[in-house]
Amino acid sequence: MTLWIAIAAVAAGSFLLKAAGPALLGERELPPWSVGVIALLAPALLAGLVVVEVLGRRWADLDWTVPVALIAVVGARLLRAPVLLAVLIGVVTAAALRALTA
């Protein structure tokens, strides 16, 4: 039950934060520098998430199959494979490498 309360609280907080911007700003334009910061925020956070997931906490849990699978996904996307197929290629690559080295 506590998990559902936490999920509801996070959902409500997210809704309130998203509603606060238009409610507080109204029709005013954002300054040009803030538009640039907002545009670059998502890619920067995504890059940080990828680094932490690949290298592990405190960069101590590096599983060498993950970067190889990530390279396989990037290669598949460069060859214009659909996203789902590229992810599947990454999963199969990591699983095959782990099976071969186990």
PDB file of N, CA and C in Angstrom:
ATOM      1  N   MET A   1       0.824  -1.193   0.000  1.00  0.00           N
ATOM      2  CA  MET A   1       0.000   0.000   0.000  1.00  0.00           C
ATOM      3  C   MET A   1       0.868   1.257   0.000  1.00  0.00           C
ATOM      4  N   THR A   2       2.004   1.222   0.679  1.00  0.00           N
ATOM      5  CA  THR A   2       2.884   2.385   0.736  1.00  0.00           C
ATOM      6  C   THR A   2       3.426   2.733  -0.647  1.00  0.00           C
ATOM      7  N   LEU A   3       3.683   1.720  -1.473  1.00  0.00           N
ATOM      8  CA  LEU A   3       4.180   1.960  -2.822  1.00  0.00           C
ATOM      9  C   LEU A   3       3.174   2.755  -3.637  1.00  0.00           C
ATOM     10  N   TRP A   4       1.895   2.408  -3.531  1.00  0.00           N
ATOM     11  CA  TRP A   4       0.869   3.114  -4.299  1.00  0.00           C
ATOM     12  C   TRP A   4       0.714   4.549  -3.825  1.00  0.00           C
ATOM     13  N   ILE A   5       0.897   4.776  -2.541  1.00  0.00           N
ATOM     14  CA  ILE A   5       0.847   6.146  -2.025  1.00  0.00           C
ATOM     15  C   ILE A   5       2.021   6.948  -2.586  1.00  0.00           C
ATOM     16  N   ALA A   6       3.190   6.326  -2.641  1.00  0.00           N
ATOM     17  CA  ALA A   6       4.363   7.003  -3.199  1.00  0.00           C
ATOM     18  C   ALA A   6       4.166   7.300  -4.684  1.00  0.00           C
ATOM     19  N   ILE A   7       3.603   6.354  -5.427  1.00  0.00           N
ATOM     20  CA  ILE A   7       3.345   6.566  -6.855  1.00  0.00           C
ATOM     21  C   ILE A   7       2.360   7.708  -7.050  1.00  0.00           C
ATOM     22  N   ALA A   8       1.301   7.730  -6.252  1.00  0.00           N
ATOM     23  CA  ALA A   8       0.311   8.809  -6.354  1.00  0.00           C
ATOM     24  C   ALA A   8       0.928  10.158  -5.994  1.00  0.00           C
ATOM     25  N   ALA A   9       1.797  10.180  -4.986  1.00  0.00           N
ATOM     26  CA  ALA A   9       2.440  11.434  -4.591  1.00  0.00           C
ATOM     27  C   ALA A   9       3.374  11.946  -5.683  1.00  0.00           C
ATOM     28  N   VAL A  10       4.125  11.052  -6.299  1.00  0.00           N
ATOM     29  CA  VAL A  10       5.022  11.460  -7.381  1.00  0.00           C
ATOM     30  C   VAL A  10       4.220  11.950  -8.581  1.00  0.00           C
ATOM     31  N   ALA A  11       3.128  11.266  -8.903  1.00  0.00           N
ATOM     32  CA  ALA A  11       2.281  11.698 -10.021  1.00  0.00           C
ATOM     33  C   ALA A  11       1.680  13.072  -9.749  1.00  0.00           C
ATOM     34  N   ALA A  12       1.201  13.296  -8.533  1.00  0.00           N
ATOM     35  CA  ALA A  12       0.618  14.594  -8.187  1.00  0.00           C
ATOM     36  C   ALA A  12       1.679  15.691  -8.223  1.00  0.00           C
ATOM     37  N   GLY A  13       2.862  15.400  -7.698  1.00  0.00           N
ATOM     38  CA  GLY A  13       3.945  16.383  -7.734  1.00  0.00           C
ATOM     39  C   GLY A  13       4.363  16.718  -9.152  1.00  0.00           C
ATOM     40  N   SER A  14       4.427  15.715 -10.007  1.00  0.00           N
ATOM     41  CA  SER A  14       4.778  15.943 -11.406  1.00  0.00           C
ATOM     42  C   SER A  14       3.732  16.816 -12.091  1.00  0.00           C
ATOM     43  N   PHE A  15       2.470  16.523 -11.836  1.00  0.00           N
ATOM     44  CA  PHE A  15       1.393  17.321 -12.423  1.00  0.00           C
ATOM     45  C   PHE A  15       1.469  18.768 -11.951  1.00  0.00           C
ATOM     46  N   LEU A  16       1.709  18.964 -10.659  1.00  0.00           N
ATOM     47  CA  LEU A  16       1.779  20.324 -10.121  1.00  0.00           C
ATOM     48  C   LEU A  16       2.964  21.099 -10.695  1.00  0.00           C
ATOM     49  N   LEU A  17       4.106  20.434 -10.851  1.00  0.00           N
ATOM     50  CA  LEU A  17       5.265  21.114 -11.430  1.00  0.00           C
ATOM     51  C   LEU A  17       5.024  21.489 -12.887  1.00  0.00           C
ATOM     52  N   LYS A  18       4.382  20.594 -13.637  1.00  0.00           N
ATOM     53  CA  LYS A  18       4.104  20.890 -15.041  1.00  0.00           C
ATOM     54  C   LYS A  18       3.057  21.985 -15.182  1.00  0.00           C
ATOM     55  N   ALA A  19       2.118  22.051 -14.262  1.00  0.00           N
ATOM     56  CA  ALA A  19       1.077  23.077 -14.326  1.00  0.00           C
ATOM     57  C   ALA A  19       1.576  24.419 -13.811  1.00  0.00           C
ATOM     58  N   ALA A  20       2.616  24.427 -13.004  1.00  0.00           N
ATOM     59  CA  ALA A  20       3.096  25.676 -12.408  1.00  0.00           C
ATOM     60  C   ALA A  20       3.699  26.612 -13.451  1.00  0.00           C
ATOM     61  N   GLY A  21       4.373  26.076 -14.446  1.00  0.00           N
ATOM     62  CA  GLY A  21       5.001  26.928 -15.462  1.00  0.00           C
ATOM     63  C   GLY A  21       4.007  27.805 -16.195  1.00  0.00           C
ATOM     64  N   PRO A  22       3.029  27.218 -16.881  1.00  0.00           N
ATOM     65  CA  PRO A  22       2.040  28.062 -17.573  1.00  0.00           C
ATOM     66  C   PRO A  22       1.225  28.933 -16.626  1.00  0.00           C
ATOM     67  N   ALA A  23       0.954  28.441 -15.425  1.00  0.00           N
ATOM     68  CA  ALA A  23       0.153  29.227 -14.486  1.00  0.00           C
ATOM     69  C   ALA A  23       0.920  30.458 -14.008  1.00  0.00           C
ATOM     70  N   LEU A  24       2.221  30.320 -13.778  1.00  0.00           N
ATOM     71  CA  LEU A  24       3.013  31.446 -13.279  1.00  0.00           C
ATOM     72  C   LEU A  24       3.462  32.394 -14.389  1.00  0.00           C
ATOM     73  N   LEU A  25       3.806  31.845 -15.555  1.00  0.00           N
ATOM     74  CA  LEU A  25       4.311  32.687 -16.631  1.00  0.00           C
ATOM     75  C   LEU A  25       3.202  33.316 -17.459  1.00  0.00           C
ATOM     76  N   GLY A  26       2.104  32.625 -17.620  1.00  0.00           N
ATOM     77  CA  GLY A  26       1.024  33.152 -18.453  1.00  0.00           C
ATOM     78  C   GLY A  26       1.466  33.252 -19.897  1.00  0.00           C
ATOM     79  N   GLU A  27       1.367  34.438 -20.466  1.00  0.00           N
ATOM     80  CA  GLU A  27       1.715  34.655 -21.875  1.00  0.00           C
ATOM     81  C   GLU A  27       3.127  35.210 -22.061  1.00  0.00           C
ATOM     82  N   ARG A  28       3.879  35.352 -20.982  1.00  0.00           N
ATOM     83  CA  ARG A  28       5.223  35.916 -21.097  1.00  0.00           C
ATOM     84  C   ARG A  28       6.169  34.946 -21.791  1.00  0.00           C
ATOM     85  N   GLU A  29       7.108  35.491 -22.534  1.00  0.00           N
ATOM     86  CA  GLU A  29       8.126  34.694 -23.218  1.00  0.00           C
ATOM     87  C   GLU A  29       9.287  34.421 -22.268  1.00  0.00           C
ATOM     88  N   LEU A  30       9.904  33.265 -22.417  1.00  0.00           N
ATOM     89  CA  LEU A  30      11.100  32.950 -21.637  1.00  0.00           C
ATOM     90  C   LEU A  30      12.302  33.675 -22.235  1.00  0.00           C
ATOM     91  N   PRO A  31      13.285  34.027 -21.416  1.00  0.00           N
ATOM     92  CA  PRO A  31      14.508  34.640 -21.959  1.00  0.00           C
ATOM     93  C   PRO A  31      15.228  33.655 -22.879  1.00  0.00           C
ATOM     94  N   PRO A  32      15.947  34.163 -23.886  1.00  0.00           N
ATOM     95  CA  PRO A  32      16.620  33.264 -24.841  1.00  0.00           C
ATOM     96  C   PRO A  32      17.602  32.302 -24.179  1.00  0.00           C
ATOM     97  N   TRP A  33      18.321  32.740 -23.144  1.00  0.00           N
ATOM     98  CA  TRP A  33      19.298  31.850 -22.512  1.00  0.00           C
ATOM     99  C   TRP A  33      18.604  30.679 -21.833  1.00  0.00           C
ATOM    100  N   SER A  34      17.417  30.902 -21.256  1.00  0.00           N
ATOM    101  CA  SER A  34      16.730  29.805 -20.569  1.00  0.00           C
ATOM    102  C   SER A  34      16.174  28.789 -21.556  1.00  0.00           C
ATOM    103  N   VAL A  35      15.781  29.245 -22.747  1.00  0.00           N
ATOM    104  CA  VAL A  35      15.303  28.312 -23.768  1.00  0.00           C
ATOM    105  C   VAL A  35      16.440  27.373 -24.176  1.00  0.00           C
ATOM    106  N   GLY A  36      17.652  27.917 -24.311  1.00  0.00           N
ATOM    107  CA  GLY A  36      18.812  27.081 -24.643  1.00  0.00           C
ATOM    108  C   GLY A  36      19.138  26.079 -23.555  1.00  0.00           C
ATOM    109  N   VAL A  37      19.041  26.519 -22.309  1.00  0.00           N
ATOM    110  CA  VAL A  37      19.307  25.614 -21.182  1.00  0.00           C
ATOM    111  C   VAL A  37      18.272  24.498 -21.146  1.00  0.00           C
ATOM    112  N   ILE A  38      17.017  24.848 -21.333  1.00  0.00           N
ATOM    113  CA  ILE A  38      15.949  23.846 -21.313  1.00  0.00           C
ATOM    114  C   ILE A  38      16.124  22.851 -22.455  1.00  0.00           C
ATOM    115  N   ALA A  39      16.535  23.342 -23.625  1.00  0.00           N
ATOM    116  CA  ALA A  39      16.722  22.456 -24.775  1.00  0.00           C
ATOM    117  C   ALA A  39      17.863  21.468 -24.548  1.00  0.00           C
ATOM    118  N   LEU A  40      18.898  21.878 -23.820  1.00  0.00           N
ATOM    119  CA  LEU A  40      20.052  21.002 -23.604  1.00  0.00           C
ATOM    120  C   LEU A  40      19.949  20.162 -22.338  1.00  0.00           C
ATOM    121  N   LEU A  41      18.947  20.410 -21.526  1.00  0.00           N
ATOM    122  CA  LEU A  41      18.824  19.707 -20.254  1.00  0.00           C
ATOM    123  C   LEU A  41      18.519  18.218 -20.446  1.00  0.00           C
ATOM    124  N   ALA A  42      17.581  17.883 -21.310  1.00  0.00           N
ATOM    125  CA  ALA A  42      17.208  16.478 -21.509  1.00  0.00           C
ATOM    126  C   ALA A  42      18.369  15.643 -22.061  1.00  0.00           C
ATOM    127  N   PRO A  43      19.087  16.099 -23.113  1.00  0.00           N
ATOM    128  CA  PRO A  43      20.227  15.294 -23.572  1.00  0.00           C
ATOM    129  C   PRO A  43      21.317  15.131 -22.518  1.00  0.00           C
ATOM    130  N   ALA A  44      21.554  16.168 -21.715  1.00  0.00           N
ATOM    131  CA  ALA A  44      22.578  16.063 -20.673  1.00  0.00           C
ATOM    132  C   ALA A  44      22.170  15.056 -19.604  1.00  0.00           C
ATOM    133  N   LEU A  45      20.911  15.091 -19.192  1.00  0.00           N
ATOM    134  CA  LEU A  45      20.438  14.122 -18.199  1.00  0.00           C
ATOM    135  C   LEU A  45      20.454  12.703 -18.757  1.00  0.00           C
ATOM    136  N   LEU A  46      20.083  12.552 -20.029  1.00  0.00           N
ATOM    137  CA  LEU A  46      20.106  11.226 -20.648  1.00  0.00           C
ATOM    138  C   LEU A  46      21.532  10.689 -20.735  1.00  0.00           C
ATOM    139  N   ALA A  47      22.482  11.538 -21.092  1.00  0.00           N
ATOM    140  CA  ALA A  47      23.882  11.102 -21.151  1.00  0.00           C
ATOM    141  C   ALA A  47      24.377  10.678 -19.779  1.00  0.00           C
ATOM    142  N   GLY A  48      24.026  11.431 -18.752  1.00  0.00           N
ATOM    143  CA  GLY A  48      24.409  11.052 -17.390  1.00  0.00           C
ATOM    144  C   GLY A  48      23.800   9.732 -16.970  1.00  0.00           C
ATOM    145  N   LEU A  49      22.538   9.511 -17.330  1.00  0.00           N
ATOM    146  CA  LEU A  49      21.879   8.249 -17.000  1.00  0.00           C
ATOM    147  C   LEU A  49      22.552   7.077 -17.703  1.00  0.00           C
ATOM    148  N   VAL A  50      22.901   7.260 -18.966  1.00  0.00           N
ATOM    149  CA  VAL A  50      23.561   6.184 -19.712  1.00  0.00           C
ATOM    150  C   VAL A  50      24.916   5.862 -19.093  1.00  0.00           C
ATOM    151  N   VAL A  51      25.683   6.878 -18.725  1.00  0.00           N
ATOM    152  CA  VAL A  51      27.002   6.644 -18.120  1.00  0.00           C
ATOM    153  C   VAL A  51      26.867   5.885 -16.810  1.00  0.00           C
ATOM    154  N   VAL A  52      25.923   6.287 -15.968  1.00  0.00           N
ATOM    155  CA  VAL A  52      25.744   5.609 -14.682  1.00  0.00           C
ATOM    156  C   VAL A  52      25.271   4.173 -14.890  1.00  0.00           C
ATOM    157  N   GLU A  53      24.368   3.955 -15.843  1.00  0.00           N
ATOM    158  CA  GLU A  53      23.870   2.602 -16.075  1.00  0.00           C
ATOM    159  C   GLU A  53      24.942   1.696 -16.671  1.00  0.00           C
ATOM    160  N   VAL A  54      25.802   2.241 -17.515  1.00  0.00           N
ATOM    161  CA  VAL A  54      26.843   1.423 -18.143  1.00  0.00           C
ATOM    162  C   VAL A  54      27.979   1.143 -17.165  1.00  0.00           C
ATOM    163  N   LEU A  55      28.410   2.144 -16.425  1.00  0.00           N
ATOM    164  CA  LEU A  55      29.576   1.986 -15.561  1.00  0.00           C
ATOM    165  C   LEU A  55      29.238   1.569 -14.141  1.00  0.00           C
ATOM    166  N   GLY A  56      27.994   1.668 -13.741  1.00  0.00           N
ATOM    167  CA  GLY A  56      27.604   1.273 -12.397  1.00  0.00           C
ATOM    168  C   GLY A  56      27.878   2.361 -11.385  1.00  0.00           C
ATOM    169  N   ARG A  57      27.437   2.124 -10.172  1.00  0.00           N
ATOM    170  CA  ARG A  57      27.652   3.105  -9.112  1.00  0.00           C
ATOM    171  C   ARG A  57      29.134   3.218  -8.805  1.00  0.00           C
ATOM    172  N   ARG A  58      29.569   4.422  -8.645  1.00  0.00           N
ATOM    173  CA  ARG A  58      30.981   4.743  -8.365  1.00  0.00           C
ATOM    174  C   ARG A  58      31.914   4.148  -9.411  1.00  0.00           C
ATOM    175  N   TRP A  59      31.381   3.870 -10.577  1.00  0.00           N
ATOM    176  CA  TRP A  59      32.117   3.360 -11.727  1.00  0.00           C
ATOM    177  C   TRP A  59      32.892   2.093 -11.394  1.00  0.00           C
ATOM    178  N   ALA A  60      32.352   1.275 -10.514  1.00  0.00           N
ATOM    179  CA  ALA A  60      33.058   0.077 -10.074  1.00  0.00           C
ATOM    180  C   ALA A  60      32.431  -1.206 -10.606  1.00  0.00           C
ATOM    181  N   ASP A  61      31.259  -1.122 -11.193  1.00  0.00           N
ATOM    182  CA  ASP A  61      30.534  -2.330 -11.601  1.00  0.00           C
ATOM    183  C   ASP A  61      30.481  -2.480 -13.116  1.00  0.00           C
ATOM    184  N   LEU A  62      31.564  -2.174 -13.790  1.00  0.00           N
ATOM    185  CA  LEU A  62      31.552  -2.225 -15.247  1.00  0.00           C
ATOM    186  C   LEU A  62      31.420  -3.667 -15.725  1.00  0.00           C
ATOM    187  N   ASP A  63      30.354  -3.932 -16.456  1.00  0.00           N
ATOM    188  CA  ASP A  63      30.145  -5.219 -17.110  1.00  0.00           C
ATOM    189  C   ASP A  63      30.513  -5.000 -18.575  1.00  0.00           C
ATOM    190  N   TRP A  64      31.568  -5.603 -19.034  1.00  0.00           N
ATOM    191  CA  TRP A  64      32.097  -5.309 -20.356  1.00  0.00           C
ATOM    192  C   TRP A  64      31.137  -5.668 -21.473  1.00  0.00           C
ATOM    193  N   THR A  65      30.131  -6.502 -21.192  1.00  0.00           N
ATOM    194  CA  THR A  65      29.171  -6.839 -22.241  1.00  0.00           C
ATOM    195  C   THR A  65      28.214  -5.681 -22.534  1.00  0.00           C
ATOM    196  N   VAL A  66      28.002  -4.804 -21.564  1.00  0.00           N
ATOM    197  CA  VAL A  66      27.066  -3.688 -21.769  1.00  0.00           C
ATOM    198  C   VAL A  66      27.602  -2.686 -22.794  1.00  0.00           C
ATOM    199  N   PRO A  67      28.856  -2.220 -22.695  1.00  0.00           N
ATOM    200  CA  PRO A  67      29.342  -1.316 -23.750  1.00  0.00           C
ATOM    201  C   PRO A  67      29.366  -1.964 -25.132  1.00  0.00           C
ATOM    202  N   VAL A  68      29.675  -3.256 -25.192  1.00  0.00           N
ATOM    203  CA  VAL A  68      29.671  -3.941 -26.485  1.00  0.00           C
ATOM    204  C   VAL A  68      28.253  -3.981 -27.051  1.00  0.00           C
ATOM    205  N   ALA A  69      27.269  -4.267 -26.200  1.00  0.00           N
ATOM    206  CA  ALA A  69      25.875  -4.268 -26.647  1.00  0.00           C
ATOM    207  C   ALA A  69      25.435  -2.866 -27.052  1.00  0.00           C
ATOM    208  N   LEU A  70      25.898  -1.860 -26.329  1.00  0.00           N
ATOM    209  CA  LEU A  70      25.574  -0.478 -26.672  1.00  0.00           C
ATOM    210  C   LEU A  70      26.161  -0.107 -28.030  1.00  0.00           C
ATOM    211  N   ILE A  71      27.367  -0.559 -28.300  1.00  0.00           N
ATOM    212  CA  ILE A  71      27.978  -0.325 -29.613  1.00  0.00           C
ATOM    213  C   ILE A  71      27.170  -1.028 -30.700  1.00  0.00           C
ATOM    214  N   ALA A  72      26.672  -2.231 -30.409  1.00  0.00           N
ATOM    215  CA  ALA A  72      25.842  -2.947 -31.378  1.00  0.00           C
ATOM    216  C   ALA A  72      24.549  -2.187 -31.660  1.00  0.00           C
ATOM    217  N   VAL A  73      23.954  -1.607 -30.630  1.00  0.00           N
ATOM    218  CA  VAL A  73      22.723  -0.828 -30.815  1.00  0.00           C
ATOM    219  C   VAL A  73      22.997   0.410 -31.661  1.00  0.00           C
ATOM    220  N   VAL A  74      24.076   1.114 -31.351  1.00  0.00           N
ATOM    221  CA  VAL A  74      24.417   2.314 -32.126  1.00  0.00           C
ATOM    222  C   VAL A  74      24.693   1.942 -33.576  1.00  0.00           C
ATOM    223  N   GLY A  75      25.401   0.845 -33.790  1.00  0.00           N
ATOM    224  CA  GLY A  75      25.658   0.389 -35.153  1.00  0.00           C
ATOM    225  C   GLY A  75      24.387   0.037 -35.902  1.00  0.00           C
ATOM    226  N   ALA A  76      23.465  -0.622 -35.218  1.00  0.00           N
ATOM    227  CA  ALA A  76      22.191  -0.963 -35.858  1.00  0.00           C
ATOM    228  C   ALA A  76      21.401   0.287 -36.210  1.00  0.00           C
ATOM    229  N   ARG A  77      21.421   1.270 -35.315  1.00  0.00           N
ATOM    230  CA  ARG A  77      20.690   2.517 -35.599  1.00  0.00           C
ATOM    231  C   ARG A  77      21.348   3.292 -36.742  1.00  0.00           C
ATOM    232  N   LEU A  78      22.684   3.243 -36.822  1.00  0.00           N
ATOM    233  CA  LEU A  78      23.367   3.913 -37.931  1.00  0.00           C
ATOM    234  C   LEU A  78      23.035   3.256 -39.265  1.00  0.00           C
ATOM    235  N   LEU A  79      22.729   1.974 -39.224  1.00  0.00           N
ATOM    236  CA  LEU A  79      22.304   1.261 -40.432  1.00  0.00           C
ATOM    237  C   LEU A  79      20.802   1.388 -40.659  1.00  0.00           C
ATOM    238  N   ARG A  80      20.168   2.293 -39.910  1.00  0.00           N
ATOM    239  CA  ARG A  80      18.752   2.635 -40.036  1.00  0.00           C
ATOM    240  C   ARG A  80      17.806   1.499 -39.650  1.00  0.00           C
ATOM    241  N   ALA A  81      18.212   0.704 -38.683  1.00  0.00           N
ATOM    242  CA  ALA A  81      17.313  -0.321 -38.143  1.00  0.00           C
ATOM    243  C   ALA A  81      16.279   0.361 -37.250  1.00  0.00           C
ATOM    244  N   PRO A  82      15.062  -0.165 -37.193  1.00  0.00           N
ATOM    245  CA  PRO A  82      14.066   0.404 -36.276  1.00  0.00           C
ATOM    246  C   PRO A  82      14.543   0.293 -34.825  1.00  0.00           C
ATOM    247  N   VAL A  83      14.013   1.158 -33.974  1.00  0.00           N
ATOM    248  CA  VAL A  83      14.466   1.226 -32.583  1.00  0.00           C
ATOM    249  C   VAL A  83      14.275  -0.113 -31.882  1.00  0.00           C
ATOM    250  N   LEU A  84      13.111  -0.721 -32.051  1.00  0.00           N
ATOM    251  CA  LEU A  84      12.846  -1.993 -31.375  1.00  0.00           C
ATOM    252  C   LEU A  84      13.819  -3.077 -31.830  1.00  0.00           C
ATOM    253  N   LEU A  85      14.103  -3.123 -33.113  1.00  0.00           N
ATOM    254  CA  LEU A  85      15.062  -4.105 -33.620  1.00  0.00           C
ATOM    255  C   LEU A  85      16.465  -3.819 -33.086  1.00  0.00           C
ATOM    256  N   ALA A  86      16.841  -2.548 -33.006  1.00  0.00           N
ATOM    257  CA  ALA A  86      18.164  -2.196 -32.480  1.00  0.00           C
ATOM    258  C   ALA A  86      18.294  -2.604 -31.017  1.00  0.00           C
ATOM    259  N   VAL A  87      17.249  -2.377 -30.233  1.00  0.00           N
ATOM    260  CA  VAL A  87      17.277  -2.793 -28.826  1.00  0.00           C
ATOM    261  C   VAL A  87      17.366  -4.310 -28.731  1.00  0.00           C
ATOM    262  N   LEU A  88      16.624  -5.003 -29.571  1.00  0.00           N
ATOM    263  CA  LEU A  88      16.679  -6.468 -29.583  1.00  0.00           C
ATOM    264  C   LEU A  88      18.079  -6.956 -29.952  1.00  0.00           C
ATOM    265  N   ILE A  89      18.721  -6.303 -30.891  1.00  0.00           N
ATOM    266  CA  ILE A  89      20.097  -6.659 -31.255  1.00  0.00           C
ATOM    267  C   ILE A  89      21.030  -6.463 -30.064  1.00  0.00           C
ATOM    268  N   GLY A  90      20.851  -5.381 -29.327  1.00  0.00           N
ATOM    269  CA  GLY A  90      21.665  -5.147 -28.135  1.00  0.00           C
ATOM    270  C   GLY A  90      21.449  -6.199 -27.073  1.00  0.00           C
ATOM    271  N   VAL A  91      20.193  -6.576 -26.852  1.00  0.00           N
ATOM    272  CA  VAL A  91      19.880  -7.604 -25.846  1.00  0.00           C
ATOM    273  C   VAL A  91      20.487  -8.939 -26.244  1.00  0.00           C
ATOM    274  N   VAL A  92      20.329  -9.303 -27.499  1.00  0.00           N
ATOM    275  CA  VAL A  92      20.874 -10.584 -27.965  1.00  0.00           C
ATOM    276  C   VAL A  92      22.400 -10.570 -27.898  1.00  0.00           C
ATOM    277  N   THR A  93      23.009  -9.447 -28.238  1.00  0.00           N
ATOM    278  CA  THR A  93      24.468  -9.338 -28.164  1.00  0.00           C
ATOM    279  C   THR A  93      24.961  -9.529 -26.736  1.00  0.00           C
ATOM    280  N   ALA A  94      24.344  -8.829 -25.794  1.00  0.00           N
ATOM    281  CA  ALA A  94      24.760  -8.958 -24.391  1.00  0.00           C
ATOM    282  C   ALA A  94      24.522 -10.370 -23.875  1.00  0.00           C
ATOM    283  N   ALA A  95      23.376 -10.952 -24.209  1.00  0.00           N
ATOM    284  CA  ALA A  95      23.075 -12.306 -23.740  1.00  0.00           C
ATOM    285  C   ALA A  95      24.044 -13.320 -24.330  1.00  0.00           C
ATOM    286  N   ALA A  96      24.359 -13.171 -25.609  1.00  0.00           N
ATOM    287  CA  ALA A  96      25.286 -14.114 -26.243  1.00  0.00           C
ATOM    288  C   ALA A  96      26.684 -14.000 -25.640  1.00  0.00           C
ATOM    289  N   LEU A  97      27.143 -12.786 -25.418  1.00  0.00           N
ATOM    290  CA  LEU A  97      28.473 -12.610 -24.818  1.00  0.00           C
ATOM    291  C   LEU A  97      28.527 -13.153 -23.397  1.00  0.00           C
ATOM    292  N   ARG A  98      27.452 -12.950 -22.644  1.00  0.00           N
ATOM    293  CA  ARG A  98      27.422 -13.483 -21.277  1.00  0.00           C
ATOM    294  C   ARG A  98      27.367 -15.002 -21.286  1.00  0.00           C
ATOM    295  N   ALA A  99      26.657 -15.582 -22.249  1.00  0.00           N
ATOM    296  CA  ALA A  99      26.586 -17.044 -22.338  1.00  0.00           C
ATOM    297  C   ALA A  99      27.937 -17.632 -22.747  1.00  0.00           C
ATOM    298  N   LEU A 100      28.642 -16.942 -23.620  1.00  0.00           N
ATOM    299  CA  LEU A 100      29.943 -17.440 -24.066  1.00  0.00           C
ATOM    300  C   LEU A 100      31.008 -17.349 -22.980  1.00  0.00           C
ATOM    301  N   THR A 101      30.894 -16.364 -22.105  1.00  0.00           N
ATOM    302  CA  THR A 101      31.921 -16.174 -21.079  1.00  0.00           C
ATOM    303  C   THR A 101      31.560 -16.804 -19.743  1.00  0.00           C
ATOM    304  N   ALA A 102      30.366 -17.336 -19.625  1.00  0.00           N
ATOM    305  CA  ALA A 102      29.947 -17.924 -18.337  1.00  0.00           C
ATOM    306  C   ALA A 102      30.499 -19.309 -18.148  1.00  0.00           C
TER     307      ALA A 102
END
